[in-house]
Protein backbone atom coordinates (compact mmCIF):
# COMPACT_ATOMS: atom_id res chain seq x y z
CA MET A 1 -88.54 -14.32 -9.90
CA THR A 2 -89.20 -11.87 -7.08
CA ASN A 3 -88.18 -14.41 -4.45
CA GLU A 4 -84.98 -15.21 -6.34
CA PHE A 5 -84.16 -11.50 -6.64
CA GLU A 6 -84.76 -10.92 -2.92
CA LYS A 7 -82.56 -13.91 -2.10
CA LEU A 8 -79.74 -12.62 -4.31
CA LEU A 9 -80.10 -9.14 -2.84
CA GLU A 10 -79.99 -10.52 0.68
CA GLU A 11 -76.87 -12.54 -0.10
CA TYR A 12 -75.21 -9.52 -1.69
CA LEU A 13 -76.02 -7.24 1.24
CA GLY A 14 -74.79 -9.93 3.62
CA LYS A 15 -71.45 -10.06 1.84
CA GLU A 16 -71.24 -6.27 1.88
CA GLU A 17 -71.81 -6.28 5.63
CA GLU A 18 -69.18 -8.97 6.13
CA THR A 19 -66.52 -6.93 4.32
CA GLN A 20 -67.04 -4.13 6.82
CA LEU A 21 -65.74 -6.25 9.70
CA GLN A 22 -62.31 -5.13 10.84
CA ARG A 23 -59.91 -6.22 13.54
CA GLY A 24 -60.22 -3.85 16.47
CA GLN A 25 -63.81 -2.96 15.62
CA ILE A 26 -66.25 -2.49 18.50
CA VAL A 27 -69.40 -4.54 17.95
CA LYS A 28 -72.64 -5.17 19.80
CA GLY A 29 -74.23 -8.59 19.85
CA THR A 30 -76.47 -11.09 21.59
CA VAL A 31 -75.40 -14.34 23.21
CA VAL A 32 -77.17 -17.09 21.27
CA ALA A 33 -75.41 -20.23 22.52
CA GLU A 34 -72.64 -21.52 24.78
CA ASP A 35 -70.51 -24.59 25.39
CA ASP A 36 -67.97 -25.49 28.07
CA ASN A 37 -65.37 -23.02 26.80
CA ASN A 38 -67.08 -20.30 24.79
CA TYR A 39 -70.08 -18.05 24.35
CA TYR A 40 -71.37 -17.66 20.79
CA VAL A 41 -72.47 -14.13 19.98
CA ASP A 42 -74.66 -13.03 17.07
CA ILE A 43 -73.08 -9.75 15.95
CA GLY A 44 -75.53 -9.13 13.13
CA TYR A 45 -73.42 -10.32 10.22
CA LYS A 46 -75.03 -13.75 9.77
CA ILE A 47 -72.14 -15.24 11.70
CA GLU A 48 -71.49 -16.07 15.32
CA ALA A 49 -68.43 -14.68 17.05
CA ILE A 50 -66.66 -16.50 19.88
CA LEU A 51 -66.13 -14.99 23.32
CA PRO A 52 -64.00 -17.18 25.66
CA LYS A 53 -65.73 -17.98 28.95
CA GLU A 54 -62.44 -17.76 30.85
CA GLU A 55 -62.12 -14.07 29.99
CA VAL A 56 -65.66 -13.38 31.20
CA ARG A 57 -64.94 -15.23 34.47
CA GLN A 58 -61.82 -13.13 35.02
CA GLU A 59 -64.06 -10.08 34.96
CA GLY A 60 -66.19 -11.66 37.68
CA LYS A 61 -69.13 -11.98 35.31
CA GLU A 62 -71.33 -14.70 33.88
CA LEU A 63 -73.43 -14.48 30.72
CA LYS A 64 -76.52 -16.33 29.57
CA VAL A 65 -78.32 -16.79 26.27
CA GLY A 66 -80.16 -13.59 25.40
CA ASP A 67 -77.68 -11.23 27.08
CA GLU A 68 -76.54 -8.28 24.98
CA ILE A 69 -72.86 -7.38 25.07
CA GLU A 70 -70.36 -4.95 23.59
CA ALA A 71 -66.91 -6.29 22.69
CA VAL A 72 -63.95 -5.90 20.33
CA LEU A 73 -63.13 -8.09 17.33
CA ILE A 74 -59.58 -9.33 17.90
CA LYS A 75 -59.37 -12.09 15.30
CA ILE A 76 -61.06 -12.54 11.92
CA THR A 77 -60.52 -15.56 9.66
CA ASN A 78 -60.38 -15.22 5.90
CA LYS A 79 -63.80 -16.81 5.55
CA LEU A 80 -65.24 -14.68 8.32
CA GLN A 81 -66.31 -17.70 10.30
CA ASN A 82 -66.38 -17.47 14.06
CA PRO A 83 -64.42 -14.26 14.62
CA LYS A 84 -63.00 -13.99 18.13
CA LEU A 85 -64.22 -11.35 20.57
CA SER A 86 -62.63 -9.85 23.65
CA LEU A 87 -63.94 -7.61 26.43
CA LYS A 88 -60.48 -6.47 27.55
CA PRO A 89 -59.65 -3.84 24.88
CA LEU A 90 -62.98 -2.11 25.46
CA LYS A 91 -62.46 -2.16 29.21
CA ILE A 92 -58.96 -0.72 28.80
CA LYS A 93 -60.25 1.98 26.46
CA LYS A 94 -62.96 3.08 28.90
CA LEU A 95 -60.57 2.99 31.85
CA THR A 96 -58.00 5.02 29.90
CA GLU A 97 -60.60 7.74 29.30
CA GLU A 98 -61.51 7.70 33.01
CA ILE A 99 -57.85 8.11 33.97
CA LYS A 100 -57.33 10.96 31.51
CA SER A 101 -60.36 12.81 32.83
CA ALA A 102 -59.28 12.26 36.46
CA VAL A 103 -56.32 14.67 36.30
CA GLY A 104 -56.96 17.51 38.75
CA ARG A 105 -60.07 15.83 40.16
CA PHE A 106 -60.77 13.87 43.33
CA LYS A 107 -61.19 10.44 41.77
CA PRO A 108 -59.29 7.70 43.65
CA PHE A 109 -58.13 4.56 41.84
CA GLU A 110 -57.15 1.23 43.37
CA ALA A 111 -53.93 -0.30 42.07
CA THR A 112 -51.31 -2.98 42.69
CA VAL A 113 -47.55 -2.43 42.93
CA GLU A 114 -45.90 -4.41 40.12
CA LYS A 115 -42.30 -3.24 40.36
CA VAL A 116 -39.97 -1.25 42.59
CA ILE A 117 -38.00 1.10 40.32
CA GLU A 118 -34.37 1.83 41.19
CA LYS A 119 -31.72 3.99 39.53
CA ASP A 120 -28.04 3.93 40.48
CA GLY A 121 -28.95 1.76 43.47
CA LYS A 122 -31.48 4.30 44.73
CA LYS A 123 -35.24 3.75 44.88
CA VAL A 124 -36.98 6.32 42.66
CA GLY A 125 -40.55 5.07 42.44
CA TYR A 126 -43.08 2.29 41.99
CA LEU A 127 -44.70 0.90 38.86
CA ILE A 128 -48.36 0.22 39.60
CA SER A 129 -51.16 -1.41 37.64
CA ILE A 130 -54.64 0.10 37.59
CA ASP A 131 -56.63 -2.85 36.20
CA GLY A 132 -53.92 -3.45 33.59
CA ILE A 133 -52.96 0.16 32.89
CA LYS A 134 -49.46 1.05 34.08
CA ALA A 135 -48.69 4.19 36.09
CA LEU A 136 -45.72 5.55 38.02
CA VAL A 137 -45.78 6.62 41.65
CA PRO A 138 -42.57 8.63 42.30
CA VAL A 139 -41.02 7.69 45.64
CA GLN A 140 -41.79 11.16 47.03
CA GLU A 141 -45.49 10.59 46.24
CA ALA A 142 -45.68 7.32 48.24
CA ILE A 143 -46.89 7.44 51.84
CA LYS A 144 -44.53 4.65 52.91
CA GLU A 145 -42.09 2.11 51.52
CA ARG A 146 -43.84 -0.33 49.23
CA LYS A 147 -43.16 -3.82 47.91
CA VAL A 148 -44.41 -5.81 44.92
CA GLY A 149 -47.98 -6.98 45.47
CA ASP A 150 -49.00 -4.14 47.79
CA LYS A 151 -52.46 -2.68 47.20
CA VAL A 152 -52.51 1.11 46.99
CA ARG A 153 -55.00 3.91 46.41
CA VAL A 154 -53.93 6.88 44.31
CA LEU A 155 -54.96 10.09 42.60
CA ILE A 156 -53.85 10.83 39.04
CA LEU A 157 -51.39 13.73 38.88
CA ASP A 158 -50.54 13.81 35.19
CA VAL A 159 -51.14 11.99 31.90
CA LYS A 160 -48.88 12.52 28.89
CA GLN A 161 -49.17 10.92 25.47
CA ARG A 162 -45.84 9.66 24.10
CA GLY A 163 -46.59 8.21 20.69
CA LYS A 164 -49.01 5.35 21.32
CA GLN A 165 -48.06 5.11 24.99
CA LEU A 166 -49.44 6.95 27.98
CA ARG A 167 -47.13 8.17 30.73
CA ILE A 168 -49.26 8.30 33.86
CA THR A 169 -48.05 9.76 37.14
CA ALA A 170 -50.01 8.98 40.31
CA SER A 171 -49.78 9.84 44.00
CA GLU A 172 -50.69 8.21 47.29
CA LYS A 173 -49.64 11.31 49.22
CA LYS A 174 -51.96 13.63 47.29
CA LEU A 175 -54.90 11.32 47.98
CA GLU A 176 -54.08 11.20 51.69
CA GLU A 177 -53.86 15.01 51.83
CA GLU A 178 -57.14 15.47 49.97
CA GLU A 179 -58.97 12.96 52.15
CA ARG A 180 -57.65 14.64 55.30
CA LYS A 181 -58.72 18.04 53.98
CA ARG A 182 -62.19 16.77 53.16
CA LEU A 183 -62.51 15.15 56.59
CA ILE A 184 -61.62 18.43 58.30
CA GLU A 185 -64.16 20.31 56.20
CA LYS A 186 -66.79 17.72 57.08
CA TYR A 187 -66.18 18.14 60.83
CA LYS A 188 -66.17 21.93 60.51
CA LYS A 189 -69.70 21.72 59.15
CA GLN A 190 -70.81 19.33 61.88
CA ILE A 191 -69.53 21.17 64.96
CA LYS A 192 -70.07 24.71 66.24
CA GLU A 193 -68.67 26.93 68.95
CA GLY A 194 -69.57 25.64 72.42
CA ASP A 195 -69.89 21.98 71.41
CA ILE A 196 -68.23 19.45 73.72
CA VAL A 197 -65.99 17.05 71.81
CA GLU A 198 -63.74 14.15 72.75
CA GLY A 199 -60.14 14.03 71.56
CA LYS A 200 -56.77 12.38 72.04
CA VAL A 201 -53.47 14.14 72.72
CA ILE A 202 -50.99 13.13 70.01
CA LYS A 203 -48.21 15.68 70.60
CA ILE A 204 -47.00 18.15 73.26
CA ASP A 205 -45.06 21.18 72.08
CA PRO A 206 -42.59 22.26 74.79
CA ASN A 207 -42.73 25.83 73.53
């Protein structure tokens, strides 16, 4: 009788756990198997979730049985069999927090120009992608003319929440200015009056 009761209790608790699964939920799990296309992850609900190998490869990673991961549930079937996992939403969430906290700080980000923005036939800025998160570099904040595909480094100037969307403004120019300022400060600390230094003439002022 005791064994039957424990079995029923275990089944009941298992079902209760299953009902807690929700799309968009962050879960932790352990890789328990793999095939040519997927990793199978035990997420602690007596079921194995699927994580596509292609997505993991795109992140430049490789998993093996026994590895622990954190991912997001993006698809759940009615019978709760083999839910689908993704690493991307979690990565985007963490990166979004990094970008928000970077306003007013010296934290460079690498990005790719995705679009040249024009208005009334005049170039007004560049749409860039920071690992999938879009940001705007106004033309006055670019250090030179850019084209689609160019790699750029930027600082975050401003982040505004518009409904569910973020409006991010970034600057190449601000980063260049800050790096120059930091370089000057570095040399000021390294040299002292009377030191002999080598230099190159870059401009002659006639006045």
